[in-house]
PDB file of all heavy atoms in Angstrom:
ATOM      1  N   LYS A   1     -11.944  41.024  14.326  1.00  0.00           N
ATOM      2  CA  LYS A   1     -11.955  42.470  14.432  1.00  0.00           C
ATOM      3  C   LYS A   1     -13.155  43.192  13.935  1.00  0.00           C
ATOM      4  O   LYS A   1     -13.125  44.229  13.394  1.00  0.00           O
ATOM      5  CB  LYS A   1     -10.679  43.039  13.670  1.00  0.00           C
ATOM      6  CG  LYS A   1      -9.348  42.500  14.186  1.00  0.00           C
ATOM      7  CD  LYS A   1      -8.138  43.129  13.459  1.00  0.00           C
ATOM      8  CE  LYS A   1      -6.813  42.540  14.024  1.00  0.00           C
ATOM      9  NZ  LYS A   1      -5.645  43.109  13.333  1.00  0.00           N
ATOM     10  N   GLU A   2     -14.273  42.510  14.193  1.00  0.00           N
ATOM     11  CA  GLU A   2     -15.574  43.047  13.833  1.00  0.00           C
ATOM     12  C   GLU A   2     -16.569  43.032  15.031  1.00  0.00           C
ATOM     13  O   GLU A   2     -16.265  42.381  16.059  1.00  0.00           O
ATOM     14  CB  GLU A   2     -16.229  42.248  12.705  1.00  0.00           C
ATOM     15  CG  GLU A   2     -15.478  42.259  11.389  1.00  0.00           C
ATOM     16  CD  GLU A   2     -16.098  41.412  10.282  1.00  0.00           C
ATOM     17  OE1 GLU A   2     -16.672  40.375  10.647  1.00  0.00           O
ATOM     18  OE2 GLU A   2     -15.995  41.784   9.135  1.00  0.00           O
ATOM     19  N   VAL A   3     -17.640  43.693  14.929  1.00  0.00           N
ATOM     20  CA  VAL A   3     -18.672  43.739  15.955  1.00  0.00           C
ATOM     21  C   VAL A   3     -20.031  43.414  15.343  1.00  0.00           C
ATOM     22  O   VAL A   3     -20.310  43.822  14.205  1.00  0.00           O
ATOM     23  CB  VAL A   3     -18.736  45.078  16.701  1.00  0.00           C
ATOM     24  CG1 VAL A   3     -17.498  45.327  17.520  1.00  0.00           C
ATOM     25  CG2 VAL A   3     -18.995  46.263  15.792  1.00  0.00           C
ATOM     26  N   TYR A   4     -20.887  42.759  16.161  1.00  0.00           N
ATOM     27  CA  TYR A   4     -22.362  42.763  15.840  1.00  0.00           C
ATOM     28  C   TYR A   4     -22.946  43.933  16.547  1.00  0.00           C
ATOM     29  O   TYR A   4     -22.687  44.130  17.742  1.00  0.00           O
ATOM     30  CB  TYR A   4     -22.936  41.467  16.343  1.00  0.00           C
ATOM     31  CG  TYR A   4     -22.417  40.181  15.752  1.00  0.00           C
ATOM     32  CD1 TYR A   4     -21.751  39.233  16.544  1.00  0.00           C
ATOM     33  CD2 TYR A   4     -22.582  39.920  14.402  1.00  0.00           C
ATOM     34  CE1 TYR A   4     -21.302  38.041  16.006  1.00  0.00           C
ATOM     35  CE2 TYR A   4     -22.074  38.715  13.858  1.00  0.00           C
ATOM     36  CZ  TYR A   4     -21.421  37.826  14.639  1.00  0.00           C
ATOM     37  OH  TYR A   4     -20.933  36.633  14.097  1.00  0.00           O
ATOM     38  N   TRP A   5     -23.791  44.655  15.879  1.00  0.00           N
ATOM     39  CA  TRP A   5     -24.338  45.819  16.506  1.00  0.00           C
ATOM     40  C   TRP A   5     -25.720  46.251  15.939  1.00  0.00           C
ATOM     41  O   TRP A   5     -26.079  45.816  14.836  1.00  0.00           O
ATOM     42  CB  TRP A   5     -23.334  47.015  16.387  1.00  0.00           C
ATOM     43  CG  TRP A   5     -23.284  47.563  15.017  1.00  0.00           C
ATOM     44  CD1 TRP A   5     -22.688  47.031  13.863  1.00  0.00           C
ATOM     45  CD2 TRP A   5     -23.770  48.897  14.522  1.00  0.00           C
ATOM     46  NE1 TRP A   5     -22.786  47.804  12.771  1.00  0.00           N
ATOM     47  CE2 TRP A   5     -23.496  48.964  13.148  1.00  0.00           C
ATOM     48  CE3 TRP A   5     -24.470  49.903  15.150  1.00  0.00           C
ATOM     49  CZ2 TRP A   5     -23.843  50.086  12.366  1.00  0.00           C
ATOM     50  CZ3 TRP A   5     -24.815  50.993  14.385  1.00  0.00           C
ATOM     51  CH2 TRP A   5     -24.537  51.074  13.044  1.00  0.00           C
ATOM     52  N   ALA A   6     -26.404  47.075  16.696  1.00  0.00           N
ATOM     53  CA  ALA A   6     -27.701  47.659  16.219  1.00  0.00           C
ATOM     54  C   ALA A   6     -27.976  48.902  17.052  1.00  0.00           C
ATOM     55  O   ALA A   6     -27.446  49.147  18.140  1.00  0.00           O
ATOM     56  CB  ALA A   6     -28.806  46.606  16.459  1.00  0.00           C
ATOM     57  N   ARG A   7     -28.883  49.729  16.528  1.00  0.00           N
ATOM     58  CA  ARG A   7     -29.313  50.969  17.147  1.00  0.00           C
ATOM     59  C   ARG A   7     -30.581  50.820  17.876  1.00  0.00           C
ATOM     60  O   ARG A   7     -31.422  50.042  17.441  1.00  0.00           O
ATOM     61  CB  ARG A   7     -29.465  52.094  16.129  1.00  0.00           C
ATOM     62  CG  ARG A   7     -28.194  52.612  15.569  1.00  0.00           C
ATOM     63  CD  ARG A   7     -28.525  53.806  14.574  1.00  0.00           C
ATOM     64  NE  ARG A   7     -27.311  54.489  14.149  1.00  0.00           N
ATOM     65  CZ  ARG A   7     -26.731  55.507  14.805  1.00  0.00           C
ATOM     66  NH1 ARG A   7     -27.265  55.889  15.914  1.00  0.00           N
ATOM     67  NH2 ARG A   7     -25.653  56.081  14.308  1.00  0.00           N
ATOM     68  N   TYR A   8     -30.687  51.493  19.018  1.00  0.00           N
ATOM     69  CA  TYR A   8     -31.959  51.466  19.804  1.00  0.00           C
ATOM     70  C   TYR A   8     -32.468  52.807  20.136  1.00  0.00           C
ATOM     71  O   TYR A   8     -31.673  53.790  20.365  1.00  0.00           O
ATOM     72  CB  TYR A   8     -31.680  50.680  21.091  1.00  0.00           C
ATOM     73  CG  TYR A   8     -31.494  49.198  20.861  1.00  0.00           C
ATOM     74  CD1 TYR A   8     -30.231  48.748  20.415  1.00  0.00           C
ATOM     75  CD2 TYR A   8     -32.465  48.253  21.087  1.00  0.00           C
ATOM     76  CE1 TYR A   8     -29.990  47.435  20.109  1.00  0.00           C
ATOM     77  CE2 TYR A   8     -32.232  46.913  20.815  1.00  0.00           C
ATOM     78  CZ  TYR A   8     -31.051  46.498  20.345  1.00  0.00           C
ATOM     79  OH  TYR A   8     -30.806  45.145  20.077  1.00  0.00           O
ATOM     80  N   ALA A   9     -33.794  52.936  20.204  1.00  0.00           N
ATOM     81  CA  ALA A   9     -34.375  54.220  20.623  1.00  0.00           C
ATOM     82  C   ALA A   9     -34.405  54.257  22.179  1.00  0.00           C
ATOM     83  O   ALA A   9     -34.291  55.319  22.779  1.00  0.00           O
ATOM     84  CB  ALA A   9     -35.811  54.355  20.082  1.00  0.00           C
ATOM     85  N   ASP A  10     -34.582  53.146  22.798  1.00  0.00           N
ATOM     86  CA  ASP A  10     -34.517  52.996  24.226  1.00  0.00           C
ATOM     87  C   ASP A  10     -34.315  51.518  24.519  1.00  0.00           C
ATOM     88  O   ASP A  10     -34.090  50.701  23.598  1.00  0.00           O
ATOM     89  CB  ASP A  10     -35.818  53.511  24.894  1.00  0.00           C
ATOM     90  CG  ASP A  10     -37.068  52.861  24.338  1.00  0.00           C
ATOM     91  OD1 ASP A  10     -37.112  51.648  24.246  1.00  0.00           O
ATOM     92  OD2 ASP A  10     -38.010  53.601  24.033  1.00  0.00           O
ATOM     93  N   ALA A  11     -34.344  51.134  25.787  1.00  0.00           N
ATOM     94  CA  ALA A  11     -34.034  49.731  26.133  1.00  0.00           C
ATOM     95  C   ALA A  11     -34.943  48.697  25.584  1.00  0.00           C
ATOM     96  O   ALA A  11     -34.588  47.484  25.463  1.00  0.00           O
ATOM     97  CB  ALA A  11     -34.038  49.618  27.696  1.00  0.00           C
ATOM     98  N   ARG A  12     -36.138  49.077  25.135  1.00  0.00           N
ATOM     99  CA  ARG A  12     -37.097  48.181  24.575  1.00  0.00           C
ATOM    100  C   ARG A  12     -37.331  48.269  23.101  1.00  0.00           C
ATOM    101  O   ARG A  12     -38.046  47.432  22.559  1.00  0.00           O
ATOM    102  CB  ARG A  12     -38.492  48.328  25.336  1.00  0.00           C
ATOM    103  CG  ARG A  12     -38.419  48.017  26.784  1.00  0.00           C
ATOM    104  CD  ARG A  12     -39.766  48.441  27.468  1.00  0.00           C
ATOM    105  NE  ARG A  12     -39.791  48.056  28.827  1.00  0.00           N
ATOM    106  CZ  ARG A  12     -39.171  48.710  29.812  1.00  0.00           C
ATOM    107  NH1 ARG A  12     -38.467  49.774  29.533  1.00  0.00           N
ATOM    108  NH2 ARG A  12     -39.254  48.319  31.072  1.00  0.00           N
ATOM    109  N   THR A  13     -36.755  49.231  22.441  1.00  0.00           N
ATOM    110  CA  THR A  13     -37.115  49.522  21.086  1.00  0.00           C
ATOM    111  C   THR A  13     -35.871  49.545  20.149  1.00  0.00           C
ATOM    112  O   THR A  13     -35.057  50.482  20.215  1.00  0.00           O
ATOM    113  CB  THR A  13     -37.845  50.865  20.931  1.00  0.00           C
ATOM    114  OG1 THR A  13     -38.889  50.934  21.879  1.00  0.00           O
ATOM    115  CG2 THR A  13     -38.395  51.078  19.540  1.00  0.00           C
ATOM    116  N   ARG A  14     -35.768  48.483  19.324  1.00  0.00           N
ATOM    117  CA  ARG A  14     -34.642  48.454  18.364  1.00  0.00           C
ATOM    118  C   ARG A  14     -35.016  49.169  17.073  1.00  0.00           C
ATOM    119  O   ARG A  14     -36.123  48.966  16.590  1.00  0.00           O
ATOM    120  CB  ARG A  14     -34.259  47.037  18.065  1.00  0.00           C
ATOM    121  CG  ARG A  14     -33.152  46.913  16.970  1.00  0.00           C
ATOM    122  CD  ARG A  14     -32.380  45.520  17.180  1.00  0.00           C
ATOM    123  NE  ARG A  14     -33.297  44.415  17.320  1.00  0.00           N
ATOM    124  CZ  ARG A  14     -33.840  43.745  16.302  1.00  0.00           C
ATOM    125  NH1 ARG A  14     -33.662  44.112  15.073  1.00  0.00           N
ATOM    126  NH2 ARG A  14     -34.647  42.681  16.580  1.00  0.00           N
ATOM    127  N   LEU A  15     -34.122  50.009  16.557  1.00  0.00           N
ATOM    128  CA  LEU A  15     -34.418  50.802  15.377  1.00  0.00           C
ATOM    129  C   LEU A  15     -33.909  50.210  14.091  1.00  0.00           C
ATOM    130  O   LEU A  15     -34.409  50.490  13.029  1.00  0.00           O
ATOM    131  CB  LEU A  15     -33.771  52.184  15.496  1.00  0.00           C
ATOM    132  CG  LEU A  15     -34.335  53.061  16.692  1.00  0.00           C
ATOM    133  CD1 LEU A  15     -33.506  54.353  16.789  1.00  0.00           C
ATOM    134  CD2 LEU A  15     -35.846  53.379  16.437  1.00  0.00           C
ATOM    135  N   THR A  16     -32.831  49.346  14.168  1.00  0.00           N
ATOM    136  CA  THR A  16     -32.208  48.878  12.924  1.00  0.00           C
ATOM    137  C   THR A  16     -32.036  47.356  13.074  1.00  0.00           C
ATOM    138  O   THR A  16     -31.994  46.786  14.171  1.00  0.00           O
ATOM    139  CB  THR A  16     -30.804  49.468  12.730  1.00  0.00           C
ATOM    140  OG1 THR A  16     -29.950  49.144  13.816  1.00  0.00           O
ATOM    141  CG2 THR A  16     -30.893  50.981  12.622  1.00  0.00           C
ATOM    142  N   GLU A  17     -31.885  46.701  11.907  1.00  0.00           N
ATOM    143  CA  GLU A  17     -31.578  45.243  11.923  1.00  0.00           C
ATOM    144  C   GLU A  17     -30.098  45.096  12.378  1.00  0.00           C
ATOM    145  O   GLU A  17     -29.251  45.946  12.160  1.00  0.00           O
ATOM    146  CB  GLU A  17     -31.739  44.707  10.552  1.00  0.00           C
ATOM    147  CG  GLU A  17     -33.203  44.638  10.077  1.00  0.00           C
ATOM    148  CD  GLU A  17     -34.039  43.792  10.995  1.00  0.00           C
ATOM    149  OE1 GLU A  17     -33.603  42.705  11.304  1.00  0.00           O
ATOM    150  OE2 GLU A  17     -35.176  44.234  11.314  1.00  0.00           O
ATOM    151  N   PRO A  18     -29.827  43.996  13.033  1.00  0.00           N
ATOM    152  CA  PRO A  18     -28.389  43.754  13.460  1.00  0.00           C
ATOM    153  C   PRO A  18     -27.514  43.701  12.254  1.00  0.00           C
ATOM    154  O   PRO A  18     -27.899  43.190  11.163  1.00  0.00           O
ATOM    155  CB  PRO A  18     -28.527  42.358  14.181  1.00  0.00           C
ATOM    156  CG  PRO A  18     -29.926  42.259  14.584  1.00  0.00           C
ATOM    157  CD  PRO A  18     -30.705  42.910  13.543  1.00  0.00           C
ATOM    158  N   SER A  19     -26.251  44.116  12.440  1.00  0.00           N
ATOM    159  CA  SER A  19     -25.306  44.156  11.369  1.00  0.00           C
ATOM    160  C   SER A  19     -23.963  43.622  11.906  1.00  0.00           C
ATOM    161  O   SER A  19     -23.734  43.634  13.138  1.00  0.00           O
ATOM    162  CB  SER A  19     -25.073  45.540  10.783  1.00  0.00           C
ATOM    163  OG  SER A  19     -26.283  46.056  10.258  1.00  0.00           O
ATOM    164  N   VAL A  20     -23.067  43.294  11.048  1.00  0.00           N
ATOM    165  CA  VAL A  20     -21.682  42.920  11.394  1.00  0.00           C
ATOM    166  C   VAL A  20     -20.796  43.822  10.606  1.00  0.00           C
ATOM    167  O   VAL A  20     -20.858  43.868   9.362  1.00  0.00           O
ATOM    168  CB  VAL A  20     -21.404  41.444  11.176  1.00  0.00           C
ATOM    169  CG1 VAL A  20     -21.575  40.989   9.777  1.00  0.00           C
ATOM    170  CG2 VAL A  20     -19.982  41.110  11.688  1.00  0.00           C
ATOM    171  N   ASP A  21     -19.870  44.554  11.290  1.00  0.00           N
ATOM    172  CA  ASP A  21     -18.984  45.485  10.615  1.00  0.00           C
ATOM    173  C   ASP A  21     -17.743  45.631  11.400  1.00  0.00           C
ATOM    174  O   ASP A  21     -17.609  45.355  12.572  1.00  0.00           O
ATOM    175  CB  ASP A  21     -19.668  46.916  10.538  1.00  0.00           C
ATOM    176  CG  ASP A  21     -20.852  46.915   9.636  1.00  0.00           C
ATOM    177  OD1 ASP A  21     -20.614  46.885   8.371  1.00  0.00           O
ATOM    178  OD2 ASP A  21     -21.985  47.067  10.101  1.00  0.00           O
ATOM    179  N   ARG A  22     -16.704  46.158  10.646  1.00  0.00           N
ATOM    180  CA  ARG A  22     -15.512  46.584  11.330  1.00  0.00           C
ATOM    181  C   ARG A  22     -15.753  47.866  12.039  1.00  0.00           C
ATOM    182  O   ARG A  22     -16.384  48.779  11.472  1.00  0.00           O
ATOM    183  CB  ARG A  22     -14.347  46.735  10.352  1.00  0.00           C
ATOM    184  CG  ARG A  22     -13.816  45.418   9.744  1.00  0.00           C
ATOM    185  CD  ARG A  22     -12.642  45.622   8.848  1.00  0.00           C
ATOM    186  NE  ARG A  22     -12.105  44.340   8.349  1.00  0.00           N
ATOM    187  CZ  ARG A  22     -11.183  43.639   9.016  1.00  0.00           C
ATOM    188  NH1 ARG A  22     -10.674  44.123  10.167  1.00  0.00           N
ATOM    189  NH2 ARG A  22     -10.784  42.479   8.558  1.00  0.00           N
ATOM    190  N   PRO A  23     -15.275  48.007  13.264  1.00  0.00           N
ATOM    191  CA  PRO A  23     -15.552  49.299  14.023  1.00  0.00           C
ATOM    192  C   PRO A  23     -15.163  50.581  13.239  1.00  0.00           C
ATOM    193  O   PRO A  23     -15.885  51.531  13.272  1.00  0.00           O
ATOM    194  CB  PRO A  23     -14.764  49.124  15.291  1.00  0.00           C
ATOM    195  CG  PRO A  23     -14.689  47.635  15.491  1.00  0.00           C
ATOM    196  CD  PRO A  23     -14.621  47.027  14.128  1.00  0.00           C
ATOM    197  N   ALA A  24     -14.040  50.496  12.527  1.00  0.00           N
ATOM    198  CA  ALA A  24     -13.620  51.716  11.822  1.00  0.00           C
ATOM    199  C   ALA A  24     -14.578  52.127  10.791  1.00  0.00           C
ATOM    200  O   ALA A  24     -14.669  53.323  10.451  1.00  0.00           O
ATOM    201  CB  ALA A  24     -12.203  51.460  11.220  1.00  0.00           C
ATOM    202  N   ASP A  25     -15.287  51.154  10.218  1.00  0.00           N
ATOM    203  CA  ASP A  25     -16.213  51.436   9.087  1.00  0.00           C
ATOM    204  C   ASP A  25     -17.513  52.089   9.603  1.00  0.00           C
ATOM    205  O   ASP A  25     -18.270  52.668   8.804  1.00  0.00           O
ATOM    206  CB  ASP A  25     -16.580  50.135   8.329  1.00  0.00           C
ATOM    207  CG  ASP A  25     -15.403  49.594   7.589  1.00  0.00           C
ATOM    208  OD1 ASP A  25     -14.446  50.321   7.336  1.00  0.00           O
ATOM    209  OD2 ASP A  25     -15.436  48.346   7.285  1.00  0.00           O
ATOM    210  N   ILE A  26     -17.734  52.057  10.920  1.00  0.00           N
ATOM    211  CA  ILE A  26     -18.986  52.667  11.467  1.00  0.00           C
ATOM    212  C   ILE A  26     -18.675  53.711  12.457  1.00  0.00           C
ATOM    213  O   ILE A  26     -19.571  54.189  13.180  1.00  0.00           O
ATOM    214  CB  ILE A  26     -19.953  51.596  12.135  1.00  0.00           C
ATOM    215  CG1 ILE A  26     -19.187  50.846  13.271  1.00  0.00           C
ATOM    216  CG2 ILE A  26     -20.405  50.621  11.098  1.00  0.00           C
ATOM    217  CD1 ILE A  26     -20.090  49.893  14.051  1.00  0.00           C
ATOM    218  N   ALA A  27     -17.444  54.208  12.492  1.00  0.00           N
ATOM    219  CA  ALA A  27     -16.986  55.156  13.492  1.00  0.00           C
ATOM    220  C   ALA A  27     -17.824  56.408  13.463  1.00  0.00           C
ATOM    221  O   ALA A  27     -18.200  56.955  14.530  1.00  0.00           O
ATOM    222  CB  ALA A  27     -15.560  55.504  13.290  1.00  0.00           C
ATOM    223  N   ASP A  28     -18.145  56.935  12.245  1.00  0.00           N
ATOM    224  CA  ASP A  28     -18.917  58.119  12.122  1.00  0.00           C
ATOM    225  C   ASP A  28     -20.349  57.965  12.692  1.00  0.00           C
ATOM    226  O   ASP A  28     -20.952  58.960  13.161  1.00  0.00           O
ATOM    227  CB  ASP A  28     -19.041  58.595  10.693  1.00  0.00           C
ATOM    228  CG  ASP A  28     -17.692  59.083  10.163  1.00  0.00           C
ATOM    229  OD1 ASP A  28     -16.809  59.334  10.981  1.00  0.00           O
ATOM    230  OD2 ASP A  28     -17.530  59.220   8.967  1.00  0.00           O
ATOM    231  N   GLN A  29     -20.904  56.747  12.685  1.00  0.00           N
ATOM    232  CA  GLN A  29     -22.245  56.503  13.095  1.00  0.00           C
ATOM    233  C   GLN A  29     -22.334  56.303  14.611  1.00  0.00           C
ATOM    234  O   GLN A  29     -23.424  56.539  15.196  1.00  0.00           O
ATOM    235  CB  GLN A  29     -22.808  55.269  12.395  1.00  0.00           C
ATOM    236  CG  GLN A  29     -22.823  55.308  10.913  1.00  0.00           C
ATOM    237  CD  GLN A  29     -23.342  54.054  10.307  1.00  0.00           C
ATOM    238  OE1 GLN A  29     -24.418  53.601  10.564  1.00  0.00           O
ATOM    239  NE2 GLN A  29     -22.509  53.360   9.502  1.00  0.00           N
ATOM    240  N   VAL A  30     -21.279  55.884  15.273  1.00  0.00           N
ATOM    241  CA  VAL A  30     -21.358  55.525  16.693  1.00  0.00           C
ATOM    242  C   VAL A  30     -20.534  56.448  17.636  1.00  0.00           C
ATOM    243  O   VAL A  30     -20.677  56.395  18.826  1.00  0.00           O
ATOM    244  CB  VAL A  30     -20.930  54.089  16.923  1.00  0.00           C
ATOM    245  CG1 VAL A  30     -21.821  53.109  16.123  1.00  0.00           C
ATOM    246  CG2 VAL A  30     -19.435  53.858  16.577  1.00  0.00           C
ATOM    247  N   ALA A  31     -19.716  57.285  17.056  1.00  0.00           N
ATOM    248  CA  ALA A  31     -18.853  58.197  17.910  1.00  0.00           C
ATOM    249  C   ALA A  31     -19.760  59.072  18.760  1.00  0.00           C
ATOM    250  O   ALA A  31     -20.621  59.724  18.282  1.00  0.00           O
ATOM    251  CB  ALA A  31     -17.930  58.990  17.032  1.00  0.00           C
ATOM    252  N   GLY A  32     -19.490  59.017  20.052  1.00  0.00           N
ATOM    253  CA  GLY A  32     -20.272  59.864  20.989  1.00  0.00           C
ATOM    254  C   GLY A  32     -21.635  59.385  21.356  1.00  0.00           C
ATOM    255  O   GLY A  32     -22.285  59.920  22.278  1.00  0.00           O
TER     256      GLY A  32
END
């Protein structure tokens, strides 16, 4: 019940290191 995820500025540019989290714990960061 977790995801591996990271943020990107565009298709070629990653902004953050990959993380593993429960979706509910990052809901505020990824909603919308």
